[in-house]
Amino acid sequence: MSELSTLAATSTELGGIAGWAVSLMEAIGGPGAGIAVAAENFFPPLPSEIILPLAGFTASQGGMTLFGALFWTTAGSVLGALVLYWLGIKLGRDRMYAIVEKMPFVGTEDLTKAEDWFTRHGRSAVFFGRMIPVVRSGISIPAGVSRMPVLQFTLYTTLGSLIWNSIFVLAGYFLGENWHYVKSE
């Protein structure tokens, strides 16, 4: 079976979020991985822990390069984080809580956790927060609300995202054809 037909069979077999992500990567390559990861910032039901290994798998099958998978997923992480950072600046704390309260799949308790983490740890919260599920998306909002300097925010977000993404993309890349051994039923 050719690499691309293996990839197409994988996206059909996976279905759901994982199938959508692989189909997006099949259709437009690395930018598709970036879009999927950026979307994860806004829709927590899109877990990076699924999308990132699939980007690595896609790279192992020739759908993009390994460097491309790392570059595009990190660019998607940073872009999504910057949008949330900007919303934090523009809307402020109270309006962000009011909006989050009305959103499906996200609760104000998630935003409170991110805000508490940011208050306790400042700049390092952005770096380490990019590697903690739930906090990873939400940490951008308190950084924006507190008006953390955008260059610092971007640097810490990029570095934290690159580490997190590398772990999962490389796992998917080296797992390659054996992805089905860890597929959940």
N, C-alpha and C. Protein backbone atom coordinates (compact mmCIF):
# COMPACT_ATOMS: atom_id res chain seq x y z
N MET A 1 0.86 -1.18 0.00
CA MET A 1 0.00 0.00 0.00
C MET A 1 0.90 1.23 0.00
N SER A 2 0.59 2.20 -0.87
CA SER A 2 1.41 3.41 -0.94
C SER A 2 1.21 4.26 0.31
N GLU A 3 2.15 5.20 0.53
CA GLU A 3 2.07 6.05 1.72
C GLU A 3 0.78 6.87 1.74
N LEU A 4 0.42 7.46 0.60
CA LEU A 4 -0.78 8.30 0.57
C LEU A 4 -2.05 7.49 0.68
N SER A 5 -2.07 6.27 0.13
CA SER A 5 -3.28 5.46 0.29
C SER A 5 -3.40 4.98 1.73
N THR A 6 -2.28 4.74 2.40
CA THR A 6 -2.32 4.39 3.82
C THR A 6 -2.90 5.54 4.62
N LEU A 7 -2.48 6.74 4.30
CA LEU A 7 -2.98 7.94 4.97
C LEU A 7 -4.48 8.11 4.74
N ALA A 8 -4.93 7.94 3.51
CA ALA A 8 -6.35 8.07 3.20
C ALA A 8 -7.16 7.01 3.93
N ALA A 9 -6.66 5.78 3.97
CA ALA A 9 -7.36 4.72 4.69
C ALA A 9 -7.43 5.03 6.18
N THR A 10 -6.37 5.61 6.71
CA THR A 10 -6.34 5.96 8.12
C THR A 10 -7.41 7.00 8.46
N SER A 11 -7.53 8.06 7.66
CA SER A 11 -8.52 9.10 7.97
C SER A 11 -9.93 8.55 7.87
N THR A 12 -10.19 7.64 6.93
CA THR A 12 -11.51 7.05 6.80
C THR A 12 -11.80 6.15 7.99
N GLU A 13 -10.82 5.38 8.41
CA GLU A 13 -11.00 4.45 9.52
C GLU A 13 -11.17 5.16 10.86
N LEU A 14 -10.47 6.27 11.05
CA LEU A 14 -10.51 6.96 12.33
C LEU A 14 -11.85 7.63 12.60
N GLY A 15 -12.35 8.40 11.67
CA GLY A 15 -13.59 9.13 11.88
C GLY A 15 -13.46 10.18 12.99
N GLY A 16 -14.53 10.88 13.28
CA GLY A 16 -14.57 11.86 14.35
C GLY A 16 -13.50 12.92 14.23
N ILE A 17 -13.06 13.40 15.38
CA ILE A 17 -12.06 14.47 15.45
C ILE A 17 -10.75 14.03 14.78
N ALA A 18 -10.32 12.81 15.08
CA ALA A 18 -9.06 12.33 14.53
C ALA A 18 -9.15 12.22 13.01
N GLY A 19 -10.25 11.71 12.50
CA GLY A 19 -10.44 11.60 11.05
C GLY A 19 -10.47 12.96 10.39
N TRP A 20 -11.15 13.92 11.05
CA TRP A 20 -11.19 15.29 10.52
C TRP A 20 -9.79 15.87 10.44
N ALA A 21 -8.99 15.69 11.49
CA ALA A 21 -7.64 16.25 11.52
C ALA A 21 -6.77 15.63 10.43
N VAL A 22 -6.83 14.30 10.28
CA VAL A 22 -6.02 13.64 9.24
C VAL A 22 -6.49 14.07 7.86
N SER A 23 -7.80 14.20 7.65
CA SER A 23 -8.32 14.65 6.35
C SER A 23 -7.83 16.06 6.03
N LEU A 24 -7.80 16.92 7.03
CA LEU A 24 -7.32 18.28 6.85
C LEU A 24 -5.83 18.27 6.48
N MET A 25 -5.07 17.41 7.16
CA MET A 25 -3.64 17.31 6.86
C MET A 25 -3.41 16.69 5.48
N GLU A 26 -4.25 15.72 5.11
CA GLU A 26 -4.16 15.13 3.77
C GLU A 26 -4.41 16.18 2.70
N ALA A 27 -5.43 17.00 2.93
CA ALA A 27 -5.86 17.97 1.93
C ALA A 27 -4.85 19.09 1.72
N ILE A 28 -4.30 19.64 2.82
CA ILE A 28 -3.41 20.81 2.66
C ILE A 28 -2.08 20.65 3.38
N GLY A 29 -1.78 19.46 3.84
CA GLY A 29 -0.47 19.19 4.43
C GLY A 29 -0.24 19.90 5.75
N GLY A 30 0.97 20.43 5.92
CA GLY A 30 1.36 21.09 7.16
C GLY A 30 0.43 22.19 7.63
N PRO A 31 -0.01 23.08 6.72
CA PRO A 31 -0.96 24.11 7.18
C PRO A 31 -2.23 23.51 7.78
N GLY A 32 -2.65 22.35 7.31
CA GLY A 32 -3.81 21.68 7.90
C GLY A 32 -3.57 21.29 9.34
N ALA A 33 -2.35 20.83 9.63
CA ALA A 33 -1.99 20.50 11.02
C ALA A 33 -2.02 21.76 11.86
N GLY A 34 -1.52 22.86 11.31
CA GLY A 34 -1.53 24.14 12.02
C GLY A 34 -2.95 24.62 12.31
N ILE A 35 -3.83 24.49 11.33
CA ILE A 35 -5.23 24.90 11.52
C ILE A 35 -5.89 24.05 12.61
N ALA A 36 -5.65 22.74 12.58
CA ALA A 36 -6.24 21.85 13.59
C ALA A 36 -5.76 22.22 14.99
N VAL A 37 -4.48 22.51 15.14
CA VAL A 37 -3.95 22.87 16.45
C VAL A 37 -4.44 24.25 16.89
N ALA A 38 -4.52 25.19 15.95
CA ALA A 38 -5.05 26.52 16.29
C ALA A 38 -6.50 26.39 16.76
N ALA A 39 -7.28 25.55 16.09
CA ALA A 39 -8.68 25.34 16.47
C ALA A 39 -8.79 24.75 17.87
N GLU A 40 -7.82 23.95 18.26
CA GLU A 40 -7.81 23.34 19.60
C GLU A 40 -7.80 24.39 20.70
N ASN A 41 -7.23 25.56 20.43
CA ASN A 41 -7.23 26.64 21.41
C ASN A 41 -8.64 27.12 21.73
N PHE A 42 -9.53 27.06 20.75
CA PHE A 42 -10.88 27.59 20.91
C PHE A 42 -11.92 26.52 21.24
N PHE A 43 -11.62 25.29 20.86
CA PHE A 43 -12.55 24.18 21.06
C PHE A 43 -11.83 23.05 21.79
N PRO A 44 -11.78 23.12 23.12
CA PRO A 44 -11.04 22.11 23.88
C PRO A 44 -11.42 20.66 23.59
N PRO A 45 -12.62 20.37 23.04
CA PRO A 45 -12.86 18.97 22.67
C PRO A 45 -11.94 18.48 21.55
N LEU A 46 -11.19 19.38 20.91
CA LEU A 46 -10.18 18.99 19.93
C LEU A 46 -8.86 18.85 20.68
N PRO A 47 -8.56 17.70 21.21
CA PRO A 47 -7.36 17.58 22.05
C PRO A 47 -6.06 17.50 21.24
N SER A 48 -5.10 18.29 21.64
CA SER A 48 -3.80 18.25 20.97
C SER A 48 -3.15 16.89 21.13
N GLU A 49 -3.50 16.18 22.18
CA GLU A 49 -2.92 14.86 22.42
C GLU A 49 -3.34 13.85 21.36
N ILE A 50 -4.35 14.18 20.55
CA ILE A 50 -4.74 13.34 19.41
C ILE A 50 -4.20 13.96 18.12
N ILE A 51 -4.36 15.25 17.96
CA ILE A 51 -3.99 15.93 16.72
C ILE A 51 -2.48 15.85 16.48
N LEU A 52 -1.68 16.10 17.50
CA LEU A 52 -0.23 16.15 17.32
C LEU A 52 0.37 14.80 16.90
N PRO A 53 0.03 13.69 17.55
CA PRO A 53 0.58 12.42 17.07
C PRO A 53 0.13 12.10 15.64
N LEU A 54 -1.09 12.52 15.29
CA LEU A 54 -1.55 12.29 13.92
C LEU A 54 -0.76 13.13 12.92
N ALA A 55 -0.32 14.31 13.33
CA ALA A 55 0.55 15.11 12.46
C ALA A 55 1.88 14.37 12.26
N GLY A 56 2.40 13.80 13.33
CA GLY A 56 3.62 13.01 13.21
C GLY A 56 3.42 11.78 12.34
N PHE A 57 2.29 11.11 12.51
CA PHE A 57 1.97 9.95 11.68
C PHE A 57 1.88 10.36 10.21
N THR A 58 1.20 11.48 9.96
CA THR A 58 1.05 11.98 8.59
C THR A 58 2.43 12.25 7.99
N ALA A 59 3.33 12.81 8.78
CA ALA A 59 4.70 13.05 8.31
C ALA A 59 5.41 11.73 8.03
N SER A 60 5.20 10.74 8.87
CA SER A 60 5.86 9.45 8.66
C SER A 60 5.37 8.76 7.39
N GLN A 61 4.17 9.13 6.94
CA GLN A 61 3.59 8.54 5.74
C GLN A 61 3.85 9.37 4.49
N GLY A 62 4.59 10.47 4.63
CA GLY A 62 4.95 11.29 3.49
C GLY A 62 3.98 12.41 3.19
N GLY A 63 2.98 12.63 4.07
CA GLY A 63 2.02 13.69 3.84
C GLY A 63 2.59 15.08 4.09
N MET A 64 3.70 15.15 4.81
CA MET A 64 4.46 16.38 5.06
C MET A 64 5.79 15.94 5.66
N THR A 65 6.72 16.85 5.79
CA THR A 65 7.99 16.50 6.42
C THR A 65 7.85 16.57 7.94
N LEU A 66 8.77 15.95 8.64
CA LEU A 66 8.77 16.04 10.10
C LEU A 66 8.97 17.49 10.53
N PHE A 67 9.91 18.19 9.88
CA PHE A 67 10.11 19.60 10.19
C PHE A 67 8.82 20.39 9.94
N GLY A 68 8.15 20.09 8.84
CA GLY A 68 6.89 20.76 8.53
C GLY A 68 5.84 20.52 9.60
N ALA A 69 5.75 19.29 10.07
CA ALA A 69 4.78 18.97 11.13
C ALA A 69 5.08 19.76 12.38
N LEU A 70 6.35 19.83 12.78
CA LEU A 70 6.73 20.59 13.97
C LEU A 70 6.51 22.09 13.77
N PHE A 71 6.91 22.60 12.61
CA PHE A 71 6.74 24.01 12.33
C PHE A 71 5.27 24.41 12.33
N TRP A 72 4.45 23.70 11.56
CA TRP A 72 3.06 24.09 11.40
C TRP A 72 2.25 23.90 12.67
N THR A 73 2.50 22.84 13.43
CA THR A 73 1.75 22.67 14.67
C THR A 73 2.13 23.74 15.69
N THR A 74 3.39 24.11 15.73
CA THR A 74 3.81 25.17 16.65
C THR A 74 3.26 26.52 16.19
N ALA A 75 3.29 26.78 14.89
CA ALA A 75 2.71 28.02 14.37
C ALA A 75 1.21 28.09 14.70
N GLY A 76 0.51 26.97 14.57
CA GLY A 76 -0.92 26.93 14.91
C GLY A 76 -1.15 27.19 16.39
N SER A 77 -0.30 26.61 17.24
CA SER A 77 -0.41 26.84 18.69
C SER A 77 -0.23 28.32 19.02
N VAL A 78 0.79 28.92 18.43
CA VAL A 78 1.10 30.32 18.71
C VAL A 78 -0.02 31.23 18.17
N LEU A 79 -0.47 30.96 16.96
CA LEU A 79 -1.53 31.79 16.39
C LEU A 79 -2.81 31.72 17.23
N GLY A 80 -3.21 30.52 17.61
CA GLY A 80 -4.40 30.38 18.46
C GLY A 80 -4.23 31.07 19.80
N ALA A 81 -3.04 30.93 20.38
CA ALA A 81 -2.77 31.58 21.67
C ALA A 81 -2.80 33.10 21.55
N LEU A 82 -2.26 33.62 20.45
CA LEU A 82 -2.25 35.08 20.26
C LEU A 82 -3.67 35.64 20.09
N VAL A 83 -4.55 34.88 19.45
CA VAL A 83 -5.94 35.33 19.32
C VAL A 83 -6.58 35.41 20.72
N LEU A 84 -6.37 34.38 21.55
CA LEU A 84 -6.93 34.41 22.90
C LEU A 84 -6.29 35.51 23.75
N TYR A 85 -4.99 35.73 23.58
CA TYR A 85 -4.28 36.81 24.28
C TYR A 85 -4.92 38.15 23.91
N TRP A 86 -5.11 38.37 22.61
CA TRP A 86 -5.71 39.60 22.12
C TRP A 86 -7.13 39.78 22.68
N LEU A 87 -7.91 38.67 22.72
CA LEU A 87 -9.25 38.76 23.30
C LEU A 87 -9.19 39.14 24.77
N GLY A 88 -8.21 38.60 25.48
CA GLY A 88 -8.02 38.97 26.88
C GLY A 88 -7.79 40.46 27.04
N ILE A 89 -6.97 41.03 26.16
CA ILE A 89 -6.71 42.48 26.21
C ILE A 89 -7.97 43.26 25.88
N LYS A 90 -8.62 42.91 24.79
CA LYS A 90 -9.76 43.69 24.28
C LYS A 90 -11.02 43.57 25.13
N LEU A 91 -11.27 42.38 25.67
CA LEU A 91 -12.52 42.17 26.39
C LEU A 91 -12.39 42.35 27.90
N GLY A 92 -11.22 42.12 28.43
CA GLY A 92 -11.05 42.23 29.88
C GLY A 92 -11.58 41.01 30.62
N ARG A 93 -11.28 40.96 31.88
CA ARG A 93 -11.59 39.80 32.72
C ARG A 93 -13.10 39.52 32.82
N ASP A 94 -13.88 40.52 33.19
CA ASP A 94 -15.31 40.29 33.44
C ASP A 94 -16.05 39.84 32.18
N ARG A 95 -15.78 40.49 31.06
CA ARG A 95 -16.45 40.09 29.82
C ARG A 95 -15.99 38.72 29.35
N MET A 96 -14.72 38.38 29.56
CA MET A 96 -14.25 37.04 29.19
C MET A 96 -14.98 35.97 29.99
N TYR A 97 -15.15 36.21 31.29
CA TYR A 97 -15.89 35.24 32.11
C TYR A 97 -17.33 35.12 31.64
N ALA A 98 -17.95 36.24 31.28
CA ALA A 98 -19.34 36.21 30.80
C ALA A 98 -19.45 35.40 29.50
N ILE A 99 -18.48 35.56 28.62
CA ILE A 99 -18.49 34.81 27.35
C ILE A 99 -18.24 33.33 27.60
N VAL A 100 -17.24 33.01 28.40
CA VAL A 100 -16.90 31.62 28.67
C VAL A 100 -18.06 30.89 29.35
N GLU A 101 -18.77 31.61 30.18
CA GLU A 101 -19.92 31.03 30.87
C GLU A 101 -20.97 30.50 29.89
N LYS A 102 -21.07 31.10 28.72
CA LYS A 102 -22.08 30.72 27.73
C LYS A 102 -21.57 29.71 26.70
N MET A 103 -20.29 29.38 26.75
CA MET A 103 -19.71 28.50 25.75
C MET A 103 -19.90 27.03 26.12
N PRO A 104 -20.19 26.19 25.13
CA PRO A 104 -20.25 24.76 25.40
C PRO A 104 -18.84 24.18 25.55
N PHE A 105 -18.71 23.14 26.30
CA PHE A 105 -17.46 22.39 26.49
C PHE A 105 -16.39 23.11 27.30
N VAL A 106 -16.62 24.36 27.68
CA VAL A 106 -15.65 25.11 28.46
C VAL A 106 -16.40 25.71 29.64
N GLY A 107 -15.77 25.68 30.80
CA GLY A 107 -16.40 26.27 31.97
C GLY A 107 -15.55 27.38 32.55
N THR A 108 -16.18 28.22 33.33
CA THR A 108 -15.43 29.30 33.95
C THR A 108 -14.38 28.75 34.92
N GLU A 109 -14.61 27.54 35.41
CA GLU A 109 -13.61 26.94 36.30
C GLU A 109 -12.29 26.71 35.57
N ASP A 110 -12.35 26.41 34.24
CA ASP A 110 -11.13 26.26 33.46
C ASP A 110 -10.38 27.59 33.36
N LEU A 111 -11.13 28.65 33.15
CA LEU A 111 -10.53 29.97 33.07
C LEU A 111 -9.97 30.39 34.43
N THR A 112 -10.69 30.05 35.50
CA THR A 112 -10.21 30.37 36.86
C THR A 112 -8.91 29.64 37.15
N LYS A 113 -8.81 28.36 36.75
CA LYS A 113 -7.56 27.60 36.95
C LYS A 113 -6.40 28.27 36.22
N ALA A 114 -6.64 28.67 34.98
CA ALA A 114 -5.59 29.32 34.20
C ALA A 114 -5.20 30.65 34.83
N GLU A 115 -6.20 31.39 35.26
CA GLU A 115 -5.94 32.69 35.87
C GLU A 115 -5.16 32.54 37.18
N ASP A 116 -5.54 31.59 38.02
CA ASP A 116 -4.82 31.33 39.27
C ASP A 116 -3.38 30.92 38.99
N TRP A 117 -3.19 30.05 38.01
CA TRP A 117 -1.86 29.59 37.63
C TRP A 117 -1.02 30.78 37.18
N PHE A 118 -1.60 31.67 36.37
CA PHE A 118 -0.88 32.84 35.88
C PHE A 118 -0.53 33.78 37.03
N THR A 119 -1.47 33.99 37.95
CA THR A 119 -1.23 34.88 39.09
C THR A 119 -0.09 34.36 39.96
N ARG A 120 -0.05 33.04 40.19
CA ARG A 120 0.99 32.45 41.04
C ARG A 120 2.36 32.41 40.38
N HIS A 121 2.37 32.17 39.07
CA HIS A 121 3.64 31.87 38.42
C HIS A 121 4.09 32.86 37.35
N GLY A 122 3.26 33.84 37.04
CA GLY A 122 3.65 34.88 36.08
C GLY A 122 4.10 34.35 34.74
N ARG A 123 5.25 34.83 34.29
CA ARG A 123 5.76 34.47 32.96
C ARG A 123 5.95 32.98 32.78
N SER A 124 6.46 32.32 33.79
CA SER A 124 6.69 30.88 33.64
C SER A 124 5.38 30.12 33.47
N ALA A 125 4.26 30.72 33.91
CA ALA A 125 2.96 30.08 33.71
C ALA A 125 2.65 29.94 32.23
N VAL A 126 3.07 30.90 31.43
CA VAL A 126 2.82 30.82 29.99
C VAL A 126 3.66 29.70 29.40
N PHE A 127 4.94 29.64 29.75
CA PHE A 127 5.82 28.59 29.23
C PHE A 127 5.33 27.20 29.64
N PHE A 128 5.20 26.97 30.94
CA PHE A 128 4.80 25.64 31.42
C PHE A 128 3.32 25.36 31.16
N GLY A 129 2.51 26.41 31.17
CA GLY A 129 1.08 26.25 30.92
C GLY A 129 0.79 25.69 29.54
N ARG A 130 1.66 25.92 28.56
CA ARG A 130 1.47 25.37 27.21
C ARG A 130 1.65 23.86 27.18
N MET A 131 2.09 23.28 28.30
CA MET A 131 2.31 21.84 28.37
C MET A 131 1.35 21.15 29.34
N ILE A 132 0.31 21.87 29.77
CA ILE A 132 -0.65 21.30 30.73
C ILE A 132 -2.04 21.34 30.11
N PRO A 133 -2.63 20.15 29.89
CA PRO A 133 -3.99 20.15 29.33
C PRO A 133 -4.91 21.02 30.18
N VAL A 134 -5.90 21.60 29.57
CA VAL A 134 -6.87 22.54 30.12
C VAL A 134 -6.24 23.92 30.28
N VAL A 135 -5.11 24.00 30.95
CA VAL A 135 -4.44 25.29 31.17
C VAL A 135 -3.85 25.81 29.86
N ARG A 136 -3.40 24.91 28.99
CA ARG A 136 -2.64 25.32 27.80
C ARG A 136 -3.37 26.32 26.92
N SER A 137 -4.66 26.18 26.76
CA SER A 137 -5.41 27.16 25.96
C SER A 137 -5.79 28.37 26.80
N GLY A 138 -6.21 28.12 28.02
CA GLY A 138 -6.73 29.19 28.86
C GLY A 138 -5.70 30.17 29.37
N ILE A 139 -4.44 29.79 29.41
CA ILE A 139 -3.41 30.66 29.99
C ILE A 139 -3.23 31.95 29.18
N SER A 140 -3.59 31.92 27.93
CA SER A 140 -3.44 33.10 27.07
C SER A 140 -4.34 34.25 27.50
N ILE A 141 -5.50 33.93 28.02
CA ILE A 141 -6.47 34.97 28.39
C ILE A 141 -5.97 35.81 29.56
N PRO A 142 -5.56 35.21 30.70
CA PRO A 142 -5.05 36.06 31.78
C PRO A 142 -3.76 36.79 31.39
N ALA A 143 -2.97 36.20 30.51
CA ALA A 143 -1.77 36.91 30.04
C ALA A 143 -2.17 38.18 29.29
N GLY A 144 -3.23 38.09 28.49
CA GLY A 144 -3.73 39.26 27.78
C GLY A 144 -4.39 40.26 28.71
N VAL A 145 -5.22 39.76 29.62
CA VAL A 145 -5.90 40.64 30.58
C VAL A 145 -4.88 41.43 31.38
N SER A 146 -3.80 40.78 31.80
CA SER A 146 -2.77 41.46 32.59
C SER A 146 -1.80 42.27 31.72
N ARG A 147 -2.00 42.19 30.41
CA ARG A 147 -1.17 42.92 29.45
C ARG A 147 0.32 42.56 29.56
N MET A 148 0.57 41.25 29.69
CA MET A 148 1.94 40.77 29.61
C MET A 148 2.52 41.25 28.27
N PRO A 149 3.75 41.71 28.22
CA PRO A 149 4.32 42.17 26.95
C PRO A 149 4.19 41.09 25.86
N VAL A 150 3.68 41.48 24.71
CA VAL A 150 3.37 40.52 23.65
C VAL A 150 4.59 39.74 23.17
N LEU A 151 5.76 40.37 23.14
CA LEU A 151 6.96 39.64 22.71
C LEU A 151 7.34 38.55 23.71
N GLN A 152 7.24 38.86 25.00
CA GLN A 152 7.50 37.83 26.02
C GLN A 152 6.48 36.72 25.91
N PHE A 153 5.20 37.09 25.77
CA PHE A 153 4.15 36.09 25.65
C PHE A 153 4.41 35.18 24.45
N THR A 154 4.75 35.78 23.32
CA THR A 154 4.99 35.00 22.10
C THR A 154 6.20 34.09 22.26
N LEU A 155 7.27 34.59 22.87
CA LEU A 155 8.46 33.78 23.08
C LEU A 155 8.15 32.58 23.97
N TYR A 156 7.54 32.80 25.14
CA TYR A 156 7.25 31.71 26.07
C TYR A 156 6.22 30.74 25.49
N THR A 157 5.27 31.27 24.74
CA THR A 157 4.27 30.41 24.10
C THR A 157 4.92 29.53 23.03
N THR A 158 5.80 30.13 22.24
CA THR A 158 6.48 29.38 21.19
C THR A 158 7.34 28.28 21.78
N LEU A 159 8.14 28.61 22.78
CA LEU A 159 9.04 27.61 23.37
C LEU A 159 8.26 26.49 24.06
N GLY A 160 7.25 26.84 24.86
CA GLY A 160 6.45 25.82 25.53
C GLY A 160 5.69 24.95 24.54
N SER A 161 5.14 25.57 23.52
CA SER A 161 4.40 24.83 22.49
C SER A 161 5.33 23.91 21.70
N LEU A 162 6.52 24.40 21.38
CA LEU A 162 7.47 23.59 20.62
C LEU A 162 7.85 22.32 21.39
N ILE A 163 8.07 22.44 22.68
CA ILE A 163 8.40 21.26 23.49
C ILE A 163 7.22 20.29 23.51
N TRP A 164 6.03 20.79 23.86
CA TRP A 164 4.82 19.95 23.92
C TRP A 164 4.56 19.29 22.57
N ASN A 165 4.57 20.07 21.52
CA ASN A 165 4.29 19.55 20.19
C ASN A 165 5.33 18.53 19.75
N SER A 166 6.60 18.80 20.05
CA SER A 166 7.67 17.87 19.65
C SER A 166 7.48 16.50 20.27
N ILE A 167 7.11 16.45 21.53
CA ILE A 167 6.90 15.16 22.21
C ILE A 167 5.85 14.34 21.47
N PHE A 168 4.71 14.95 21.18
CA PHE A 168 3.61 14.20 20.58
C PHE A 168 3.79 13.97 19.08
N VAL A 169 4.32 14.97 18.37
CA VAL A 169 4.57 14.79 16.94
C VAL A 169 5.61 13.69 16.73
N LEU A 170 6.69 13.72 17.50
CA LEU A 170 7.73 12.68 17.36
C LEU A 170 7.19 11.30 17.73
N ALA A 171 6.34 11.24 18.74
CA ALA A 171 5.74 9.94 19.11
C ALA A 171 4.93 9.40 17.93
N GLY A 172 4.12 10.26 17.31
CA GLY A 172 3.34 9.82 16.16
C GLY A 172 4.21 9.46 14.97
N TYR A 173 5.28 10.20 14.79
CA TYR A 173 6.18 9.95 13.67
C TYR A 173 6.87 8.59 13.84
N PHE A 174 7.40 8.34 15.02
CA PHE A 174 8.12 7.09 15.23
C PHE A 174 7.19 5.89 15.40
N LEU A 175 5.97 6.14 15.80
CA LEU A 175 4.98 5.07 15.89
C LEU A 175 4.58 4.63 14.49
N GLY A 176 4.49 5.58 13.57
CA GLY A 176 4.22 5.28 12.16
C GLY A 176 3.09 4.32 11.94
N GLU A 177 3.40 3.25 11.26
CA GLU A 177 2.40 2.24 10.89
C GLU A 177 1.76 1.55 12.10
N ASN A 178 2.36 1.64 13.25
CA ASN A 178 1.86 0.93 14.44
C ASN A 178 0.87 1.75 15.24
N TRP A 179 0.33 2.83 14.69
CA TRP A 179 -0.60 3.70 15.41
C TRP A 179 -1.78 2.94 15.98
N HIS A 180 -2.22 1.91 15.28
CA HIS A 180 -3.42 1.19 15.74
C HIS A 180 -3.22 0.48 17.07
N TYR A 181 -1.98 0.28 17.51
CA TYR A 181 -1.74 -0.35 18.81
C TYR A 181 -2.17 0.53 19.98
N VAL A 182 -2.19 1.84 19.77
CA VAL A 182 -2.60 2.75 20.84
C VAL A 182 -3.96 3.39 20.58
N LYS A 183 -4.62 3.00 19.51
CA LYS A 183 -5.94 3.54 19.18
C LYS A 183 -6.93 3.10 20.25
N SER A 184 -7.70 4.06 20.75
CA SER A 184 -8.68 3.73 21.78
C SER A 184 -9.94 3.20 21.09
N GLU A 185 -10.60 2.32 21.73
CA GLU A 185 -11.83 1.73 21.19
C GLU A 185 -13.04 2.48 21.67
